[in-house]
C-alpha atoms as a PDB file:
ATOM      1  CA  MET A   1      -8.601  -2.852   7.719  1.00  0.00           C
ATOM      2  CA  LYS A   2      -7.256  -0.380  10.309  1.00  0.00           C
ATOM      3  CA  ALA A   3      -4.254  -2.523  11.129  1.00  0.00           C
ATOM      4  CA  ALA A   4      -1.923  -0.790  13.548  1.00  0.00           C
ATOM      5  CA  THR A   5       1.177  -2.305  11.921  1.00  0.00           C
ATOM      6  CA  MET A   6       1.918  -3.061   8.281  1.00  0.00           C
ATOM      7  CA  CYS A   7       1.498  -6.750   7.379  1.00  0.00           C
ATOM      8  CA  GLU A   8       0.256  -7.624  10.850  1.00  0.00           C
ATOM      9  CA  PHE A   9      -3.450  -8.173  11.400  1.00  0.00           C
ATOM     10  CA  SER A  10      -5.053  -9.321  14.587  1.00  0.00           C
ATOM     11  CA  LYS A  11      -8.096 -11.515  14.102  1.00  0.00           C
ATOM     12  CA  GLN A  12     -10.258  -8.620  15.312  1.00  0.00           C
ATOM     13  CA  GLU A  13      -8.667  -6.149  12.854  1.00  0.00           C
ATOM     14  CA  PHE A  14      -9.069  -8.570   9.964  1.00  0.00           C
ATOM     15  CA  ILE A  15     -12.683  -9.539  10.643  1.00  0.00           C
ATOM     16  CA  GLY A  16     -13.690  -5.981  11.558  1.00  0.00           C
ATOM     17  CA  GLY A  17     -12.058  -4.620   8.419  1.00  0.00           C
ATOM     18  CA  LEU A  18     -13.833  -7.120   6.185  1.00  0.00           C
ATOM     19  CA  GLN A  19     -17.162  -6.332   7.829  1.00  0.00           C
ATOM     20  CA  ALA A  20     -16.593  -2.574   7.448  1.00  0.00           C
ATOM     21  CA  LEU A  21     -15.913  -3.103   3.744  1.00  0.00           C
ATOM     22  CA  GLY A  22     -18.991  -5.283   3.327  1.00  0.00           C
ATOM     23  CA  ILE A  23     -16.947  -8.339   2.401  1.00  0.00           C
ATOM     24  CA  ASP A  24     -18.422 -11.700   3.285  1.00  0.00           C
ATOM     25  CA  SER A  25     -17.049 -13.893   0.509  1.00  0.00           C
ATOM     26  CA  LEU A  26     -13.852 -14.472  -1.405  1.00  0.00           C
ATOM     27  CA  GLU A  27     -15.525 -13.121  -4.551  1.00  0.00           C
ATOM     28  CA  LYS A  28     -16.386  -9.835  -2.829  1.00  0.00           C
ATOM     29  CA  PHE A  29     -12.850  -9.668  -1.460  1.00  0.00           C
ATOM     30  CA  CYS A  30     -11.373 -10.017  -4.958  1.00  0.00           C
ATOM     31  CA  ASP A  31     -13.815  -7.459  -6.358  1.00  0.00           C
ATOM     32  CA  ARG A  32     -12.916  -4.986  -3.613  1.00  0.00           C
ATOM     33  CA  ILE A  33      -9.188  -5.430  -4.243  1.00  0.00           C
ATOM     34  CA  GLN A  34      -9.725  -4.662  -7.952  1.00  0.00           C
ATOM     35  CA  PHE A  35     -11.832  -1.609  -7.061  1.00  0.00           C
ATOM     36  CA  MET A  36      -9.194  -0.307  -4.664  1.00  0.00           C
ATOM     37  CA  HIS A  37      -6.455  -0.963  -7.205  1.00  0.00           C
ATOM     38  CA  SER A  38      -8.353   1.134  -9.755  1.00  0.00           C
ATOM     39  CA  LYS A  39      -8.310   4.088  -7.333  1.00  0.00           C
ATOM     40  CA  LEU A  40      -4.595   4.465  -8.018  1.00  0.00           C
ATOM     41  CA  LYS A  41      -5.511   5.897 -11.436  1.00  0.00           C
ATOM     42  CA  ASP A  42      -7.166   8.928  -9.822  1.00  0.00           C
ATOM     43  CA  GLU A  43      -4.431  11.513  -9.135  1.00  0.00           C
ATOM     44  CA  GLN A  44      -5.935  12.837  -5.874  1.00  0.00           C
ATOM     45  CA  LYS A  45      -6.629   9.338  -4.518  1.00  0.00           C
ATOM     46  CA  PHE A  46      -3.137   8.251  -5.529  1.00  0.00           C
ATOM     47  CA  ARG A  47      -1.627  11.089  -3.496  1.00  0.00           C
ATOM     48  CA  GLU A  48      -3.778  10.178  -0.492  1.00  0.00           C
ATOM     49  CA  ILE A  49      -2.836   6.491  -0.771  1.00  0.00           C
ATOM     50  CA  TYR A  50       0.845   7.358  -1.266  1.00  0.00           C
ATOM     51  CA  ASP A  51       0.936   9.617   1.801  1.00  0.00           C
ATOM     52  CA  PHE A  52      -0.907   7.052   3.919  1.00  0.00           C
ATOM     53  CA  THR A  53       1.240   4.142   2.744  1.00  0.00           C
ATOM     54  CA  PHE A  54       4.564   5.707   3.589  1.00  0.00           C
ATOM     55  CA  GLY A  55       3.359   6.909   6.977  1.00  0.00           C
ATOM     56  CA  TRP A  56       1.907   3.485   7.752  1.00  0.00           C
ATOM     57  CA  ALA A  57       4.869   1.475   6.492  1.00  0.00           C
ATOM     58  CA  LYS A  58       7.400   3.127   8.788  1.00  0.00           C
ATOM     59  CA  GLU A  59       8.624   1.020  11.651  1.00  0.00           C
ATOM     60  CA  LYS A  60       7.528   2.170  15.089  1.00  0.00           C
ATOM     61  CA  GLY A  61       9.563   5.131  16.290  1.00  0.00           C
ATOM     62  CA  GLN A  62      11.187   5.770  12.899  1.00  0.00           C
ATOM     63  CA  LYS A  63      10.947   8.998  10.900  1.00  0.00           C
ATOM     64  CA  SER A  64      11.676   7.367   7.554  1.00  0.00           C
ATOM     65  CA  LEU A  65      11.334   4.032   5.816  1.00  0.00           C
ATOM     66  CA  ALA A  66      14.042   1.454   5.487  1.00  0.00           C
ATOM     67  CA  LEU A  67      15.410   1.581   1.938  1.00  0.00           C
ATOM     68  CA  ASP A  68      14.257  -1.919   1.010  1.00  0.00           C
ATOM     69  CA  THR A  69      10.728  -1.172   2.266  1.00  0.00           C
ATOM     70  CA  ALA A  70      10.622   2.150   0.395  1.00  0.00           C
ATOM     71  CA  ILE A  71      11.738   0.485  -2.841  1.00  0.00           C
ATOM     72  CA  ARG A  72       9.086  -2.240  -2.549  1.00  0.00           C
ATOM     73  CA  MET A  73       6.411   0.387  -1.855  1.00  0.00           C
ATOM     74  CA  TRP A  74       7.428   2.491  -4.865  1.00  0.00           C
ATOM     75  CA  GLN A  75       7.368  -0.572  -7.091  1.00  0.00           C
ATOM     76  CA  LEU A  76       3.947  -1.558  -5.791  1.00  0.00           C
ATOM     77  CA  LEU A  77       2.362   1.898  -5.957  1.00  0.00           C
ATOM     78  CA  PHE A  78       3.797   2.908  -9.303  1.00  0.00           C
ATOM     79  CA  GLU A  79       2.978  -0.380 -11.001  1.00  0.00           C
ATOM     80  CA  GLU A  80      -0.506   0.907 -11.885  1.00  0.00           C
ATOM     81  CA  LYS A  81       0.734   4.411 -12.763  1.00  0.00           C
ATOM     82  CA  GLN A  82       3.352   2.890 -15.039  1.00  0.00           C
ATOM     83  CA  TRP A  83       5.936   5.489 -14.094  1.00  0.00           C
ATOM     84  CA  PRO A  84       8.731   4.665 -16.533  1.00  0.00           C
ATOM     85  CA  LEU A  85      11.522   5.758 -14.183  1.00  0.00           C
ATOM     86  CA  VAL A  86      10.593   3.737 -11.097  1.00  0.00           C
ATOM     87  CA  ASP A  87      13.019   0.922 -11.874  1.00  0.00           C
ATOM     88  CA  HIS A  88      15.837   3.375 -12.641  1.00  0.00           C
ATOM     89  CA  TRP A  89      15.081   5.295  -9.429  1.00  0.00           C
ATOM     90  CA  CYS A  90      15.155   2.119  -7.338  1.00  0.00           C
ATOM     91  CA  GLN A  91      18.393   0.921  -8.961  1.00  0.00           C
ATOM     92  CA  PHE A  92      19.976   4.336  -8.334  1.00  0.00           C
ATOM     93  CA  LEU A  93      19.043   4.184  -4.660  1.00  0.00           C
ATOM     94  CA  GLN A  94      20.478   0.705  -4.268  1.00  0.00           C
ATOM     95  CA  VAL A  95      23.806   1.720  -5.810  1.00  0.00           C
ATOM     96  CA  ALA A  96      24.141   5.130  -4.158  1.00  0.00           C
END
């Protein structure tokens, strides 16, 4: 969607992103989400998505993510990979 900021979409970014993805209906939107979700199974794509996500999720001017944002991103990204230690890792970070 080429949004400049995570979770913030201008009308132009949203409509332009949907058009670029060839989405013109809710059904196509849902299909595209499922397709993109399946890309997390491919190791190379996962690495690309992971690197992009953490760079994109940083607040403007920051070099790292806020802990709560990082934890939510790990939980989201590793849900498909079913990394058995993600919950333990996140709990460790919250206690440390």
